[in-house]
Amino acid sequence: MIKVDIVNELNGREFGGKFESQELADEWIAKQVGKQSWGLNERSLLKENLPFELEERVIDEFAQEHLSTNEAGEEVIELVEYVTVKADYVVTKKNLNLSKTHRNKVKVENRKAEYPSIEELLHALMDHGIDSPEMQVLQGKRAEIKLKYPLEK
């Protein structure tokens, strides 16, 4: 299970979701980035048009040559300065499969799959009693399975 958290750093809004796999999480993120659901993506702007509030978000500056026409109608090459501004949002992914709670949940499910059935326990209890050798065998099986899948504290 993958948990995705998104925070728009400009307005403080938070978004997120949980996904069964990394692939599904990445697919959802790509779709939302494409739609600009959380704000603007990383982008390049003309340096002269950079708003004051975005100045601290600049991550790169570069210049590009552009072909233009001067007042005399001649083609000239001019150097235009750009800045790259980081995205309005930050995406954080957390693999919940790595959490202790999730690992313990998986171990409990594995235990349940291997424990003696309720029918076996009931038959041993009803036919032979709680202190019988048959019940001790079933309790021994349960103890072995618990050792096989120890829970984390």
Protein backbone atom coordinates (compact mmCIF):
# COMPACT_ATOMS: atom_id res chain seq x y z
CA MET A 1 0.00 0.00 0.00
CA ILE A 2 1.40 3.38 -1.02
CA LYS A 3 0.25 6.58 0.69
CA VAL A 4 0.62 9.79 -1.32
CA ASP A 5 0.53 13.21 0.36
CA ILE A 6 0.58 16.47 -1.58
CA VAL A 7 0.91 19.95 -0.10
CA ASN A 8 0.53 23.12 -2.14
CA GLU A 9 3.27 25.30 -0.65
CA LEU A 10 1.66 28.52 -1.84
CA ASN A 11 -1.82 28.13 -0.37
CA GLY A 12 -1.31 25.32 2.18
CA ARG A 13 -3.97 23.03 0.70
CA GLU A 14 -3.39 19.30 1.20
CA PHE A 15 -4.36 16.38 -1.01
CA GLY A 16 -3.62 12.67 -1.05
CA GLY A 17 -4.68 9.08 -1.45
CA LYS A 18 -3.78 5.45 -0.82
CA PHE A 19 -2.95 3.02 -3.62
CA GLU A 20 -2.46 -0.73 -3.81
CA SER A 21 0.82 -0.43 -5.74
CA GLN A 22 3.59 2.00 -6.63
CA GLU A 23 2.48 1.82 -10.28
CA LEU A 24 -1.09 2.90 -9.45
CA ALA A 25 0.22 5.74 -7.28
CA ASP A 26 2.59 6.94 -10.01
CA GLU A 27 -0.18 6.73 -12.61
CA TRP A 28 -2.51 8.84 -10.46
CA ILE A 29 0.22 11.40 -9.73
CA ALA A 30 1.06 11.74 -13.44
CA LYS A 31 -2.62 12.28 -14.28
CA GLN A 32 -3.02 14.96 -11.59
CA VAL A 33 0.22 16.71 -12.59
CA GLY A 34 -1.04 16.77 -16.19
CA LYS A 35 -4.28 18.42 -15.06
CA GLN A 36 -2.42 20.75 -12.67
CA SER A 37 -4.82 19.61 -9.96
CA TRP A 38 -2.58 20.78 -7.11
CA GLY A 39 -1.20 23.95 -8.67
CA LEU A 40 1.26 24.81 -11.38
CA ASN A 41 4.03 22.40 -12.28
CA GLU A 42 7.68 23.39 -12.43
CA ARG A 43 7.83 26.04 -15.15
CA SER A 44 10.07 28.49 -16.95
CA LEU A 45 9.26 32.19 -17.12
CA LEU A 46 10.86 35.21 -18.68
CA LYS A 47 13.07 36.65 -15.95
CA GLU A 48 11.64 40.11 -16.53
CA ASN A 49 8.10 38.78 -15.91
CA LEU A 50 8.93 36.95 -12.66
CA PRO A 51 6.45 38.04 -9.95
CA PHE A 52 7.99 39.11 -6.66
CA GLU A 53 6.21 36.35 -4.69
CA LEU A 54 7.88 33.67 -6.82
CA GLU A 55 11.45 34.94 -6.50
CA GLU A 56 12.26 32.61 -3.61
CA ARG A 57 10.98 29.64 -5.64
CA VAL A 58 13.55 30.02 -8.45
CA ILE A 59 15.64 26.88 -8.87
CA ASP A 60 17.50 27.72 -12.09
CA GLU A 61 18.36 30.59 -14.40
CA PHE A 62 19.30 30.27 -18.04
CA ALA A 63 19.49 32.26 -21.27
CA GLN A 64 18.37 31.34 -24.76
CA GLU A 65 19.03 32.90 -28.12
CA HIS A 66 15.98 34.18 -29.97
CA LEU A 67 15.68 35.41 -33.52
CA SER A 68 13.82 38.69 -33.71
CA THR A 69 13.43 41.67 -36.01
CA ASN A 70 14.80 45.07 -35.03
CA GLU A 71 13.28 48.48 -35.86
CA ALA A 72 15.14 48.54 -39.17
CA GLY A 73 13.51 45.25 -40.16
CA GLU A 74 16.74 43.29 -39.82
CA GLU A 75 16.82 39.88 -38.21
CA VAL A 76 18.94 39.84 -35.08
CA ILE A 77 19.74 37.27 -32.47
CA GLU A 78 19.12 38.40 -28.93
CA LEU A 79 19.78 36.65 -25.64
CA VAL A 80 16.65 36.24 -23.51
CA GLU A 81 16.93 35.39 -19.81
CA TYR A 82 14.62 32.82 -18.20
CA VAL A 83 14.14 31.38 -14.74
CA THR A 84 12.81 27.98 -13.73
CA VAL A 85 10.39 28.09 -10.82
CA LYS A 86 9.74 24.96 -8.75
CA ALA A 87 6.27 23.46 -8.69
CA ASP A 88 3.66 24.97 -6.36
CA TYR A 89 3.31 21.62 -4.61
CA VAL A 90 5.41 18.89 -3.02
CA VAL A 91 4.53 15.21 -3.45
CA THR A 92 5.53 12.71 -0.74
CA LYS A 93 5.09 8.95 -1.14
CA LYS A 94 5.23 6.51 1.75
CA ASN A 95 5.25 2.74 1.38
CA LEU A 96 2.84 1.58 4.09
CA ASN A 97 3.98 -2.00 3.50
CA LEU A 98 7.11 -1.04 5.35
CA SER A 99 5.23 -0.02 8.51
CA LYS A 100 5.28 -2.26 11.56
CA THR A 101 1.48 -2.20 11.74
CA HIS A 102 1.17 -3.50 8.20
CA ARG A 103 3.83 -6.17 8.70
CA ASN A 104 2.04 -7.39 11.85
CA LYS A 105 -1.28 -7.45 10.01
CA VAL A 106 0.23 -9.66 7.30
CA LYS A 107 1.73 -11.98 9.94
CA VAL A 108 -1.64 -12.33 11.70
CA GLU A 109 -3.28 -13.24 8.36
CA ASN A 110 -0.53 -15.81 7.72
CA ARG A 111 -1.05 -17.27 11.19
CA LYS A 112 -4.81 -17.57 10.65
CA ALA A 113 -4.26 -19.40 7.37
CA GLU A 114 -2.07 -22.03 9.09
CA TYR A 115 -3.76 -22.41 12.49
CA PRO A 116 -5.81 -25.55 13.16
CA SER A 117 -9.39 -24.96 12.06
CA ILE A 118 -12.14 -24.07 14.50
CA GLU A 119 -13.72 -27.47 13.73
CA GLU A 120 -10.50 -29.25 14.77
CA LEU A 121 -10.39 -27.25 18.00
CA LEU A 122 -14.07 -27.87 18.78
CA HIS A 123 -13.81 -31.62 18.14
CA ALA A 124 -10.73 -31.93 20.33
CA LEU A 125 -12.36 -29.87 23.06
CA MET A 126 -15.76 -31.58 22.97
CA ASP A 127 -14.47 -35.14 22.45
CA HIS A 128 -11.43 -35.08 24.70
CA GLY A 129 -11.58 -32.02 26.99
CA ILE A 130 -9.46 -28.93 27.46
CA ASP A 131 -6.54 -30.70 29.19
CA SER A 132 -6.39 -33.62 26.76
CA PRO A 133 -3.29 -34.68 24.77
CA GLU A 134 -5.23 -33.84 21.57
CA MET A 135 -5.73 -30.23 22.74
CA GLN A 136 -2.06 -30.02 23.72
CA VAL A 137 -1.07 -31.11 20.19
CA LEU A 138 -3.26 -28.37 18.68
CA GLN A 139 -1.86 -25.79 21.13
CA GLY A 140 1.65 -26.93 20.16
CA LYS A 141 0.83 -26.33 16.47
CA ARG A 142 -0.45 -22.85 17.32
CA ALA A 143 2.73 -22.08 19.29
CA GLU A 144 4.92 -23.21 16.37
CA ILE A 145 2.99 -20.98 13.97
CA LYS A 146 3.33 -18.00 16.34
CA LEU A 147 7.10 -18.59 16.39
CA LYS A 148 7.10 -18.81 12.60
CA TYR A 149 5.29 -15.43 12.35
CA PRO A 150 6.39 -13.38 15.37
CA LEU A 151 4.71 -10.03 15.87
CA GLU A 152 6.82 -6.89 16.25
CA LYS A 153 6.36 -4.77 19.35
